[in-house]
Amino acid sequence: MSPIHTDLRTSPGWRSAAGGAIARRWVASLAVLALAAGCATPPPAPSLPPSAPPAAPAPPSAVVARSDNFVIVTADNGDSLDTLARRYLGDAGKAWWIAQFNAVTTVRAGETLVIPLHPRNPLGVVATGYQTVPILCYHRFGSRPGKLSVTPQAFAQQMDFLARNGYTVITLERLHGFLAGKEALPPKSVVVTIDDGYRSTFEIAYPVLKKHRFPATVFLYTDFVGASDALTWAQMKEMVDSGLVTIQPHSKTHANLAQRLPGEADARYRERIRREITVPIGVIKERLGESSFTYAYPYGDVNEYVVDVLVKDDVAQGVTVTAGGNAFYAYPYMLRRSMIFGNEDLDAFKSRLATFARMPRP
């Protein structure tokens, strides 16, 4: 069984035969639906008898019109994009729907706004191109920068850059909804992941994530727990309880799942791979109460059998270390992730944040 190499630094990636076999299993169908909607205006109020007092003027926040697809409102003094989204969409996180549809960044009292009640473009496809979602991949953090070690100052600078420049850090679950064509994402969406389970994740990265309220996924290989520089279960529980961090499997031993051991027979290989997948799933569930939704392949390598086991264990996604973003047609079990290296500057970080792919001009 030949491996599918997805680490661009060491392997041919998508050109492998097994890679082609997996890719052929994923057939993306693009459906661009024209959405038609009308705004129904309320009937005129009946005339009051002459003796009745004049009707009080409608409050500024009154609904002007409503249909199954839109609500038209006039903003009140205390209204913001967040309050309107919470009131009419049930989720302040959907404020960007209102901002994008009305081409505004703030709300002014007395301003009339159209609020779409359903996502207008869940695939992120427009005439000039399509949306892509980068997944950032960190490993450890420390005072001395290295290829896989990012300094506290650099990580804080990178997260500050995302916060100041309109990026929305989303969860892998929300990305899954986008890939399924069910959820529209803000235009500059990005995912933060941290591999292996180093203690510096809790000591250095977690406070910065809390400052910005950025969600992140920590991919843990469970045999690492107990090492002097590894996360403790108590630290992981604190991060999980915050609602910002989820712990997901990164194998049991960090072995390359696509490679057989010398002389390893087919049955023994399959049993070993099954343990590398199911053991961390069980341990994470037992110790943290976390269900496994996404699996990170050690070294980014995967093959057909690994995907089959993940599917049987109800794991919905698998992530590689192949650089690039993920468009609506991305294969969920070979999602791209871009490594963030500690020996590179902020410009290199910015280069990994491409959130839109332009269609070539004819």
Foldseek 3Di string as FASTA:
>chain_A
DFWAFQQVVPDPHCVDPQNVVVVVVFDDDDDDDDDDDDWDADDDDDDDPPVDDDDDDDAQQDWGTDDPFKTKGADAQPDWLQVVCCVQAVGSQCSVQFCVVVVHDIHDHRDITIHTNADDFLQQDDPFFGWWEAEEEAEEEDCDFFFRYAYLVQLLVLLVVCVVPPEAEDEVVQVVCSLVSNGHDPLQYYYYEYEAAFPRCLVRVLVSCVVSVHAHEYAHQACCAPDPGGDHLVSVLVSVVVVRYDYAYAFNPLDQLRDDDVPDDPVRSLVRLLNRHVVVQVVCCVSRVGHHAEYEGRSQMDGDSNVVSCVVSNHFAYEGANADTHGSSDDRHYGYHHYDGNVDHVVVVVVRRDTIDTDDDD
